Each structure stands twice: as C-alpha cells, then as structure tokens.
Amino acid sequence: MRALFDRVTATRMSLTACVLVAAMLSACGGGTTDQGTDTSTTQSTGGTAPTPNTPTPAPTTPSTPTPAPPPPTGSISLSWSAPATNSDGSPISDLAGYRVYYGTACGFYTDNVTITNPSTLSATISHLPADTYYVIVRAFNSVNAESQASVEVSKTIR
C-alpha cells in the first residue's frame, strides 16, 4: 500500500511540475524570442484547421514611447564685495561693473556674464546641465580694464 501511495504522490508531483512549467512558458510567449512568427499558420491543437475565410486581425500600432524627460538643470548663485582700491592701491573711481566667468574645468572658463551696474553685487547663472562648474569674478572699469580674478569657487549640479 505504501509503494502505491509513493507512486501516486510522485506522479502528482510530476504533473504539478509540468503544469507549472507550461504556465511559465505560456506567460513568457512559449520560450521563443522570434518576433516575426506568423500566428495565422500556427497549428491548432483542437483538431480543426483555420478556415481560409477567417479574417485576420488588423496589426496594432505600437504606442508612441514617452519621450525622456529633459536632463536636470541647475543654477549657481553667488555674491561678492565691491573692491575699494585699484591694484596699485589708489581708490577706485571708475568702476563700471563685473564679469562672472565660469566653465567645467578648473582655471578654464568658457562662458561669462557681464553685469554693467557696479552696485550689483550678486548673480545667478541658470539652466546649467549637471556638471561641476568653476567660477571667478573680475571687476572692470570704464575703459574695460579688468581686475585680477577673485578666488575660484566651484559647485556641482546633479
């Protein structure tokens, strides 16, 4: 009796395993990766062949993928103090504004913003893509002569 019970249990386990494998294969398309299979010629297991007049379903148009979001952008806000003297120590008499230089390599500035109001002591540079930026400020006078550069600062935009 015990031998019969063990054989029936083993048979049920094998049948259960086959059903699980079949369910997994049908869930992932039968285990094939061929996207070009013509389903109208697939043989039926029900014993009847498809009739020639059976309408073929119209192909569906794949939905348009959602475009990727724009890359993140950020900004750099900075402020500074107005210089009081020229490099020779004389008082500044013709300060015309500031230039904020910035770039993505230390000591190499590819862009700048000019501020023509000498009483403006801050700036914000916006819409910068993710990267590390290095920034300096230079004052300039009425004949466009620039001062020495400020201390370089950096900011990473993620």
N, C-alpha and C. Protein backbone atom coordinates (compact mmCIF):
# COMPACT_ATOMS: atom_id res chain seq x y z
N MET A 1 0.83 -1.18 0.00
CA MET A 1 0.00 0.00 0.00
C MET A 1 0.88 1.26 0.00
N ARG A 2 1.94 1.22 0.80
CA ARG A 2 2.85 2.36 0.89
C ARG A 2 3.50 2.63 -0.47
N ALA A 3 3.88 1.59 -1.20
CA ALA A 3 4.51 1.74 -2.52
C ALA A 3 3.55 2.41 -3.49
N LEU A 4 2.26 2.05 -3.45
CA LEU A 4 1.26 2.66 -4.30
C LEU A 4 1.11 4.14 -3.97
N PHE A 5 1.08 4.47 -2.67
CA PHE A 5 0.96 5.87 -2.24
C PHE A 5 2.16 6.70 -2.73
N ASP A 6 3.36 6.15 -2.62
CA ASP A 6 4.57 6.86 -3.07
C ASP A 6 4.54 7.08 -4.57
N ARG A 7 4.05 6.07 -5.35
CA ARG A 7 3.99 6.20 -6.80
C ARG A 7 2.97 7.25 -7.21
N VAL A 8 1.79 7.28 -6.58
CA VAL A 8 0.74 8.26 -6.89
C VAL A 8 1.23 9.66 -6.53
N THR A 9 1.90 9.80 -5.38
CA THR A 9 2.41 11.10 -4.97
C THR A 9 3.47 11.59 -5.95
N ALA A 10 4.37 10.73 -6.39
CA ALA A 10 5.40 11.11 -7.36
C ALA A 10 4.77 11.52 -8.68
N THR A 11 3.72 10.81 -9.11
CA THR A 11 3.04 11.15 -10.35
C THR A 11 2.37 12.51 -10.23
N ARG A 12 1.73 12.79 -9.10
CA ARG A 12 1.10 14.10 -8.90
C ARG A 12 2.14 15.21 -8.90
N MET A 13 3.29 14.96 -8.27
CA MET A 13 4.34 15.98 -8.25
C MET A 13 4.85 16.26 -9.67
N SER A 14 5.03 15.19 -10.49
CA SER A 14 5.49 15.36 -11.86
C SER A 14 4.47 16.15 -12.67
N LEU A 15 3.19 15.83 -12.48
CA LEU A 15 2.12 16.52 -13.19
C LEU A 15 2.08 17.99 -12.76
N THR A 16 2.22 18.25 -11.47
CA THR A 16 2.24 19.63 -10.98
C THR A 16 3.41 20.40 -11.57
N ALA A 17 4.59 19.78 -11.65
CA ALA A 17 5.77 20.44 -12.22
C ALA A 17 5.54 20.75 -13.69
N CYS A 18 4.93 19.82 -14.45
CA CYS A 18 4.65 20.06 -15.87
C CYS A 18 3.68 21.22 -16.06
N VAL A 19 2.64 21.28 -15.22
CA VAL A 19 1.67 22.37 -15.32
C VAL A 19 2.34 23.70 -15.02
N LEU A 20 3.20 23.75 -14.00
CA LEU A 20 3.90 24.99 -13.67
C LEU A 20 4.83 25.43 -14.80
N VAL A 21 5.57 24.50 -15.38
CA VAL A 21 6.47 24.84 -16.50
C VAL A 21 5.66 25.34 -17.68
N ALA A 22 4.54 24.68 -18.00
CA ALA A 22 3.70 25.11 -19.12
C ALA A 22 3.13 26.50 -18.86
N ALA A 23 2.73 26.77 -17.63
CA ALA A 23 2.19 28.09 -17.31
C ALA A 23 3.26 29.16 -17.44
N MET A 24 4.47 28.84 -17.00
CA MET A 24 5.55 29.83 -17.10
C MET A 24 5.90 30.09 -18.56
N LEU A 25 5.97 29.04 -19.38
CA LEU A 25 6.30 29.22 -20.78
C LEU A 25 5.22 29.99 -21.52
N SER A 26 3.96 29.73 -21.21
CA SER A 26 2.90 30.46 -21.90
C SER A 26 2.87 31.92 -21.45
N ALA A 27 3.28 32.19 -20.23
CA ALA A 27 3.30 33.57 -19.74
C ALA A 27 4.38 34.39 -20.42
N CYS A 28 5.45 33.74 -20.85
CA CYS A 28 6.53 34.49 -21.50
C CYS A 28 6.58 34.22 -22.99
N GLY A 29 5.49 33.80 -23.57
CA GLY A 29 5.42 33.64 -25.02
C GLY A 29 5.91 32.30 -25.51
N GLY A 30 5.94 31.30 -24.69
CA GLY A 30 6.31 29.96 -25.15
C GLY A 30 7.80 29.73 -25.21
N GLY A 31 8.58 30.63 -24.71
CA GLY A 31 10.01 30.42 -24.66
C GLY A 31 10.73 30.82 -25.93
N THR A 32 10.04 31.36 -26.93
CA THR A 32 10.69 31.76 -28.17
C THR A 32 10.94 33.25 -28.17
N THR A 33 11.99 33.68 -28.84
CA THR A 33 12.28 35.11 -28.94
C THR A 33 12.06 35.62 -30.34
N ASP A 34 11.50 34.80 -31.24
CA ASP A 34 11.28 35.19 -32.61
C ASP A 34 10.06 36.10 -32.69
N GLN A 35 10.28 37.37 -32.95
CA GLN A 35 9.19 38.34 -33.01
C GLN A 35 8.46 38.29 -34.35
N GLY A 36 9.03 37.62 -35.35
CA GLY A 36 8.42 37.62 -36.66
C GLY A 36 7.54 36.40 -36.93
N THR A 37 7.14 35.64 -35.95
CA THR A 37 6.32 34.44 -36.16
C THR A 37 4.95 34.84 -36.69
N ASP A 38 4.53 34.17 -37.76
CA ASP A 38 3.21 34.41 -38.35
C ASP A 38 2.21 33.52 -37.63
N THR A 39 1.37 34.09 -36.79
CA THR A 39 0.44 33.31 -35.99
C THR A 39 -0.71 32.75 -36.81
N SER A 40 -0.91 33.20 -38.05
CA SER A 40 -2.01 32.67 -38.83
C SER A 40 -1.72 31.26 -39.33
N THR A 41 -0.46 30.81 -39.32
CA THR A 41 -0.13 29.46 -39.77
C THR A 41 0.17 28.52 -38.63
N THR A 42 -0.01 28.95 -37.40
CA THR A 42 0.23 28.10 -36.25
C THR A 42 -0.82 27.01 -36.21
N GLN A 43 -0.39 25.79 -35.98
CA GLN A 43 -1.33 24.67 -35.96
C GLN A 43 -2.15 24.71 -34.69
N SER A 44 -3.41 24.35 -34.84
CA SER A 44 -4.32 24.30 -33.71
C SER A 44 -4.24 22.94 -33.05
N THR A 45 -4.36 22.90 -31.74
CA THR A 45 -4.36 21.63 -31.04
C THR A 45 -5.77 21.12 -30.84
N GLY A 46 -6.76 21.88 -31.29
CA GLY A 46 -8.15 21.49 -31.09
C GLY A 46 -8.68 20.55 -32.16
N GLY A 47 -7.89 20.23 -33.19
CA GLY A 47 -8.32 19.28 -34.20
C GLY A 47 -8.93 19.94 -35.41
N THR A 48 -9.10 21.27 -35.46
CA THR A 48 -9.66 21.93 -36.63
C THR A 48 -8.63 22.89 -37.17
N ALA A 49 -8.55 22.97 -38.46
CA ALA A 49 -7.62 23.88 -39.11
C ALA A 49 -8.32 25.21 -39.33
N PRO A 50 -7.58 26.33 -39.34
CA PRO A 50 -8.21 27.62 -39.61
C PRO A 50 -8.79 27.63 -41.02
N THR A 51 -9.91 28.26 -41.18
CA THR A 51 -10.54 28.33 -42.50
C THR A 51 -9.95 29.48 -43.27
N PRO A 52 -9.91 29.37 -44.60
CA PRO A 52 -9.30 30.42 -45.41
C PRO A 52 -10.05 31.75 -45.31
N ASN A 53 -11.34 31.75 -45.00
CA ASN A 53 -12.12 32.98 -44.95
C ASN A 53 -12.12 33.65 -43.58
N THR A 54 -11.37 33.10 -42.64
CA THR A 54 -11.33 33.69 -41.32
C THR A 54 -10.57 35.01 -41.41
N PRO A 55 -11.20 36.11 -40.96
CA PRO A 55 -10.49 37.39 -41.06
C PRO A 55 -9.28 37.43 -40.13
N THR A 56 -8.23 38.01 -40.65
CA THR A 56 -7.01 38.17 -39.86
C THR A 56 -7.12 39.48 -39.09
N PRO A 57 -6.85 39.45 -37.80
CA PRO A 57 -6.93 40.71 -37.05
C PRO A 57 -5.95 41.73 -37.59
N ALA A 58 -6.36 42.98 -37.59
CA ALA A 58 -5.50 44.06 -38.07
C ALA A 58 -4.32 44.22 -37.13
N PRO A 59 -3.13 44.48 -37.68
CA PRO A 59 -1.98 44.68 -36.80
C PRO A 59 -2.19 45.94 -35.96
N THR A 60 -1.70 45.88 -34.76
CA THR A 60 -1.83 47.04 -33.88
C THR A 60 -0.58 47.89 -33.98
N THR A 61 -0.79 49.16 -33.92
CA THR A 61 0.32 50.10 -33.95
C THR A 61 0.87 50.23 -32.53
N PRO A 62 2.18 50.03 -32.36
CA PRO A 62 2.72 50.17 -31.01
C PRO A 62 2.56 51.61 -30.54
N SER A 63 2.30 51.75 -29.26
CA SER A 63 2.12 53.10 -28.73
C SER A 63 3.43 53.86 -28.79
N THR A 64 3.32 55.15 -28.99
CA THR A 64 4.50 56.01 -29.06
C THR A 64 5.13 56.08 -27.67
N PRO A 65 6.42 55.78 -27.58
CA PRO A 65 7.06 55.83 -26.26
C PRO A 65 7.07 57.26 -25.73
N THR A 66 6.96 57.35 -24.45
CA THR A 66 7.01 58.66 -23.80
C THR A 66 8.43 59.20 -23.92
N PRO A 67 8.60 60.43 -24.38
CA PRO A 67 9.95 60.96 -24.52
C PRO A 67 10.62 61.06 -23.15
N ALA A 68 11.92 60.92 -23.18
CA ALA A 68 12.69 61.02 -21.93
C ALA A 68 12.58 62.44 -21.39
N PRO A 69 12.54 62.58 -20.08
CA PRO A 69 12.48 63.93 -19.53
C PRO A 69 13.77 64.67 -19.83
N PRO A 70 13.71 65.99 -19.89
CA PRO A 70 14.94 66.74 -20.17
C PRO A 70 15.94 66.51 -19.06
N PRO A 71 17.23 66.63 -19.39
CA PRO A 71 18.23 66.44 -18.35
C PRO A 71 18.05 67.49 -17.26
N PRO A 72 18.40 67.13 -16.04
CA PRO A 72 18.22 68.09 -14.95
C PRO A 72 19.11 69.31 -15.16
N THR A 73 18.60 70.45 -14.77
CA THR A 73 19.39 71.67 -14.86
C THR A 73 19.42 72.31 -13.48
N GLY A 74 20.37 73.16 -13.29
CA GLY A 74 20.51 73.82 -12.00
C GLY A 74 21.02 75.22 -12.19
N SER A 75 21.33 75.84 -11.09
CA SER A 75 21.82 77.21 -11.15
C SER A 75 22.91 77.42 -10.12
N ILE A 76 23.67 78.46 -10.34
CA ILE A 76 24.72 78.88 -9.41
C ILE A 76 24.39 80.30 -8.98
N SER A 77 24.28 80.51 -7.69
CA SER A 77 24.06 81.85 -7.15
C SER A 77 25.31 82.25 -6.37
N LEU A 78 25.80 83.46 -6.62
CA LEU A 78 26.97 83.92 -5.89
C LEU A 78 26.87 85.41 -5.62
N SER A 79 27.64 85.83 -4.65
CA SER A 79 27.71 87.25 -4.31
C SER A 79 29.15 87.59 -3.95
N TRP A 80 29.47 88.89 -3.99
CA TRP A 80 30.83 89.33 -3.73
C TRP A 80 30.79 90.72 -3.13
N SER A 81 31.94 91.17 -2.71
CA SER A 81 32.08 92.53 -2.18
C SER A 81 32.71 93.41 -3.24
N ALA A 82 32.30 94.65 -3.27
CA ALA A 82 32.87 95.59 -4.24
C ALA A 82 34.30 95.91 -3.84
N PRO A 83 35.20 96.01 -4.80
CA PRO A 83 36.57 96.39 -4.47
C PRO A 83 36.62 97.87 -4.08
N ALA A 84 37.55 98.21 -3.21
CA ALA A 84 37.69 99.61 -2.77
C ALA A 84 38.87 100.31 -3.43
N THR A 85 39.87 99.53 -3.84
CA THR A 85 41.08 100.13 -4.43
C THR A 85 41.47 99.41 -5.70
N ASN A 86 42.22 100.10 -6.51
CA ASN A 86 42.83 99.50 -7.69
C ASN A 86 44.01 98.65 -7.26
N SER A 87 44.57 97.88 -8.19
CA SER A 87 45.70 97.02 -7.85
C SER A 87 46.92 97.81 -7.39
N ASP A 88 47.01 99.10 -7.78
CA ASP A 88 48.14 99.92 -7.33
C ASP A 88 47.88 100.59 -5.98
N GLY A 89 46.71 100.31 -5.39
CA GLY A 89 46.39 100.86 -4.07
C GLY A 89 45.59 102.15 -4.11
N SER A 90 45.44 102.77 -5.28
CA SER A 90 44.66 104.00 -5.39
C SER A 90 43.17 103.69 -5.30
N PRO A 91 42.35 104.64 -4.83
CA PRO A 91 40.91 104.39 -4.73
C PRO A 91 40.28 104.21 -6.12
N ILE A 92 39.30 103.35 -6.18
CA ILE A 92 38.60 103.11 -7.44
C ILE A 92 37.68 104.30 -7.70
N SER A 93 37.79 104.85 -8.92
CA SER A 93 36.94 105.99 -9.26
C SER A 93 36.05 105.74 -10.46
N ASP A 94 36.34 104.71 -11.23
CA ASP A 94 35.55 104.48 -12.44
C ASP A 94 35.11 103.03 -12.60
N LEU A 95 34.67 102.40 -11.51
CA LEU A 95 34.18 101.03 -11.57
C LEU A 95 32.93 100.99 -12.47
N ALA A 96 32.96 100.12 -13.48
CA ALA A 96 31.84 100.05 -14.43
C ALA A 96 31.00 98.79 -14.26
N GLY A 97 31.53 97.73 -13.65
CA GLY A 97 30.75 96.51 -13.49
C GLY A 97 31.62 95.31 -13.18
N TYR A 98 31.04 94.14 -13.44
CA TYR A 98 31.71 92.88 -13.12
C TYR A 98 31.47 91.88 -14.24
N ARG A 99 32.41 90.97 -14.37
CA ARG A 99 32.22 89.82 -15.25
C ARG A 99 32.37 88.56 -14.42
N VAL A 100 31.38 87.68 -14.55
CA VAL A 100 31.42 86.39 -13.88
C VAL A 100 31.80 85.37 -14.95
N TYR A 101 32.95 84.75 -14.78
CA TYR A 101 33.44 83.75 -15.72
C TYR A 101 33.19 82.36 -15.13
N TYR A 102 32.76 81.42 -15.98
CA TYR A 102 32.53 80.06 -15.49
C TYR A 102 32.79 79.04 -16.58
N GLY A 103 33.11 77.82 -16.14
CA GLY A 103 33.36 76.71 -17.06
C GLY A 103 33.39 75.41 -16.28
N THR A 104 33.60 74.31 -17.01
CA THR A 104 33.55 72.99 -16.37
C THR A 104 34.94 72.42 -16.10
N ALA A 105 35.96 73.22 -16.24
CA ALA A 105 37.32 72.78 -15.91
C ALA A 105 37.98 73.86 -15.06
N CYS A 106 38.67 73.42 -14.06
CA CYS A 106 39.35 74.34 -13.14
C CYS A 106 40.31 75.23 -13.93
N GLY A 107 40.15 76.55 -13.76
CA GLY A 107 41.03 77.50 -14.44
C GLY A 107 40.72 77.74 -15.90
N PHE A 108 39.70 77.11 -16.45
CA PHE A 108 39.35 77.26 -17.87
C PHE A 108 37.89 77.64 -17.95
N TYR A 109 37.62 78.89 -18.31
CA TYR A 109 36.27 79.44 -18.27
C TYR A 109 35.79 79.68 -19.69
N THR A 110 34.74 78.98 -20.08
CA THR A 110 34.25 79.05 -21.45
C THR A 110 33.11 80.04 -21.64
N ASP A 111 32.49 80.49 -20.55
CA ASP A 111 31.35 81.39 -20.64
C ASP A 111 31.51 82.51 -19.62
N ASN A 112 30.77 83.59 -19.86
CA ASN A 112 30.77 84.68 -18.89
C ASN A 112 29.47 85.45 -18.94
N VAL A 113 29.20 86.13 -17.84
CA VAL A 113 28.04 87.01 -17.73
C VAL A 113 28.58 88.37 -17.33
N THR A 114 28.17 89.42 -18.05
CA THR A 114 28.62 90.78 -17.75
C THR A 114 27.53 91.52 -16.99
N ILE A 115 27.91 92.11 -15.88
CA ILE A 115 27.00 92.91 -15.07
C ILE A 115 27.47 94.36 -15.17
N THR A 116 26.65 95.22 -15.79
CA THR A 116 27.09 96.59 -16.07
C THR A 116 26.70 97.60 -14.99
N ASN A 117 26.11 97.13 -13.91
CA ASN A 117 25.77 98.03 -12.80
C ASN A 117 26.76 97.74 -11.67
N PRO A 118 27.64 98.69 -11.34
CA PRO A 118 28.66 98.42 -10.32
C PRO A 118 28.09 98.23 -8.90
N SER A 119 26.83 98.61 -8.69
CA SER A 119 26.25 98.40 -7.36
C SER A 119 25.60 97.02 -7.22
N THR A 120 25.53 96.25 -8.30
CA THR A 120 25.02 94.88 -8.25
C THR A 120 26.15 93.98 -7.76
N LEU A 121 25.91 93.31 -6.64
CA LEU A 121 26.97 92.50 -6.03
C LEU A 121 26.58 91.02 -5.93
N SER A 122 25.71 90.57 -6.82
CA SER A 122 25.34 89.15 -6.86
C SER A 122 24.88 88.79 -8.26
N ALA A 123 24.89 87.49 -8.53
CA ALA A 123 24.44 87.00 -9.83
C ALA A 123 23.98 85.55 -9.68
N THR A 124 23.06 85.16 -10.54
CA THR A 124 22.61 83.77 -10.62
C THR A 124 22.73 83.34 -12.07
N ILE A 125 23.40 82.24 -12.28
CA ILE A 125 23.53 81.66 -13.61
C ILE A 125 22.61 80.44 -13.63
N SER A 126 21.62 80.44 -14.51
CA SER A 126 20.58 79.40 -14.51
C SER A 126 20.68 78.49 -15.72
N HIS A 127 19.89 77.43 -15.68
CA HIS A 127 19.72 76.46 -16.77
C HIS A 127 21.03 75.76 -17.13
N LEU A 128 21.82 75.42 -16.12
CA LEU A 128 23.07 74.72 -16.35
C LEU A 128 22.84 73.21 -16.25
N PRO A 129 23.33 72.44 -17.22
CA PRO A 129 23.20 70.99 -17.12
C PRO A 129 24.09 70.44 -16.00
N ALA A 130 23.79 69.22 -15.58
CA ALA A 130 24.54 68.60 -14.49
C ALA A 130 26.02 68.52 -14.84
N ASP A 131 26.84 69.03 -13.94
CA ASP A 131 28.30 69.01 -14.09
C ASP A 131 28.89 69.77 -12.91
N THR A 132 30.20 69.84 -12.85
CA THR A 132 30.87 70.69 -11.86
C THR A 132 31.33 71.94 -12.57
N TYR A 133 31.00 73.09 -11.98
CA TYR A 133 31.33 74.39 -12.58
C TYR A 133 32.32 75.13 -11.68
N TYR A 134 33.25 75.83 -12.33
CA TYR A 134 34.25 76.64 -11.65
C TYR A 134 33.99 78.08 -12.03
N VAL A 135 34.01 78.98 -11.04
CA VAL A 135 33.57 80.36 -11.25
C VAL A 135 34.57 81.33 -10.64
N ILE A 136 34.80 82.44 -11.36
CA ILE A 136 35.56 83.57 -10.82
C ILE A 136 34.81 84.86 -11.16
N VAL A 137 35.13 85.94 -10.45
CA VAL A 137 34.56 87.26 -10.74
C VAL A 137 35.72 88.23 -10.94
N ARG A 138 35.57 89.11 -11.93
CA ARG A 138 36.54 90.19 -12.18
C ARG A 138 35.77 91.51 -12.27
N ALA A 139 36.28 92.54 -11.65
CA ALA A 139 35.72 93.88 -11.80
C ALA A 139 36.32 94.50 -13.06
N PHE A 140 35.58 95.42 -13.69
CA PHE A 140 36.15 96.15 -14.82
C PHE A 140 35.78 97.62 -14.71
N ASN A 141 36.62 98.47 -15.34
CA ASN A 141 36.39 99.92 -15.25
C ASN A 141 35.83 100.45 -16.56
N SER A 142 35.75 101.79 -16.65
CA SER A 142 35.12 102.44 -17.80
C SER A 142 35.86 102.21 -19.12
N VAL A 143 37.15 101.87 -19.07
CA VAL A 143 37.88 101.55 -20.30
C VAL A 143 38.01 100.04 -20.50
N ASN A 144 37.22 99.28 -19.76
CA ASN A 144 37.12 97.83 -19.89
C ASN A 144 38.36 97.07 -19.40
N ALA A 145 39.18 97.71 -18.59
CA ALA A 145 40.33 97.02 -17.99
C ALA A 145 39.80 96.19 -16.81
N GLU A 146 40.20 94.92 -16.77
CA GLU A 146 39.71 94.02 -15.72
C GLU A 146 40.69 93.88 -14.57
N SER A 147 40.14 93.62 -13.41
CA SER A 147 40.94 93.37 -12.21
C SER A 147 41.50 91.96 -12.23
N GLN A 148 42.30 91.67 -11.22
CA GLN A 148 42.72 90.29 -11.00
C GLN A 148 41.47 89.46 -10.70
N ALA A 149 41.55 88.18 -10.93
CA ALA A 149 40.40 87.30 -10.68
C ALA A 149 40.21 87.09 -9.17
N SER A 150 38.97 86.92 -8.80
CA SER A 150 38.65 86.54 -7.42
C SER A 150 39.14 85.13 -7.17
N VAL A 151 38.97 84.67 -5.99
CA VAL A 151 39.24 83.27 -5.68
C VAL A 151 38.25 82.42 -6.46
N GLU A 152 38.74 81.33 -7.03
CA GLU A 152 37.84 80.44 -7.77
C GLU A 152 37.00 79.62 -6.81
N VAL A 153 35.72 79.52 -7.11
CA VAL A 153 34.81 78.66 -6.35
C VAL A 153 34.23 77.63 -7.32
N SER A 154 33.72 76.54 -6.76
CA SER A 154 33.13 75.52 -7.62
C SER A 154 31.81 75.06 -7.03
N LYS A 155 30.97 74.54 -7.91
CA LYS A 155 29.69 73.98 -7.49
C LYS A 155 29.36 72.83 -8.42
N THR A 156 28.87 71.74 -7.84
CA THR A 156 28.44 70.58 -8.62
C THR A 156 26.93 70.58 -8.70
N ILE A 157 26.43 70.53 -9.91
CA ILE A 157 24.99 70.44 -10.16
C ILE A 157 24.70 69.00 -10.53
N ARG A 158 23.76 68.40 -9.82
CA ARG A 158 23.41 66.99 -10.07
C ARG A 158 22.10 66.89 -10.79
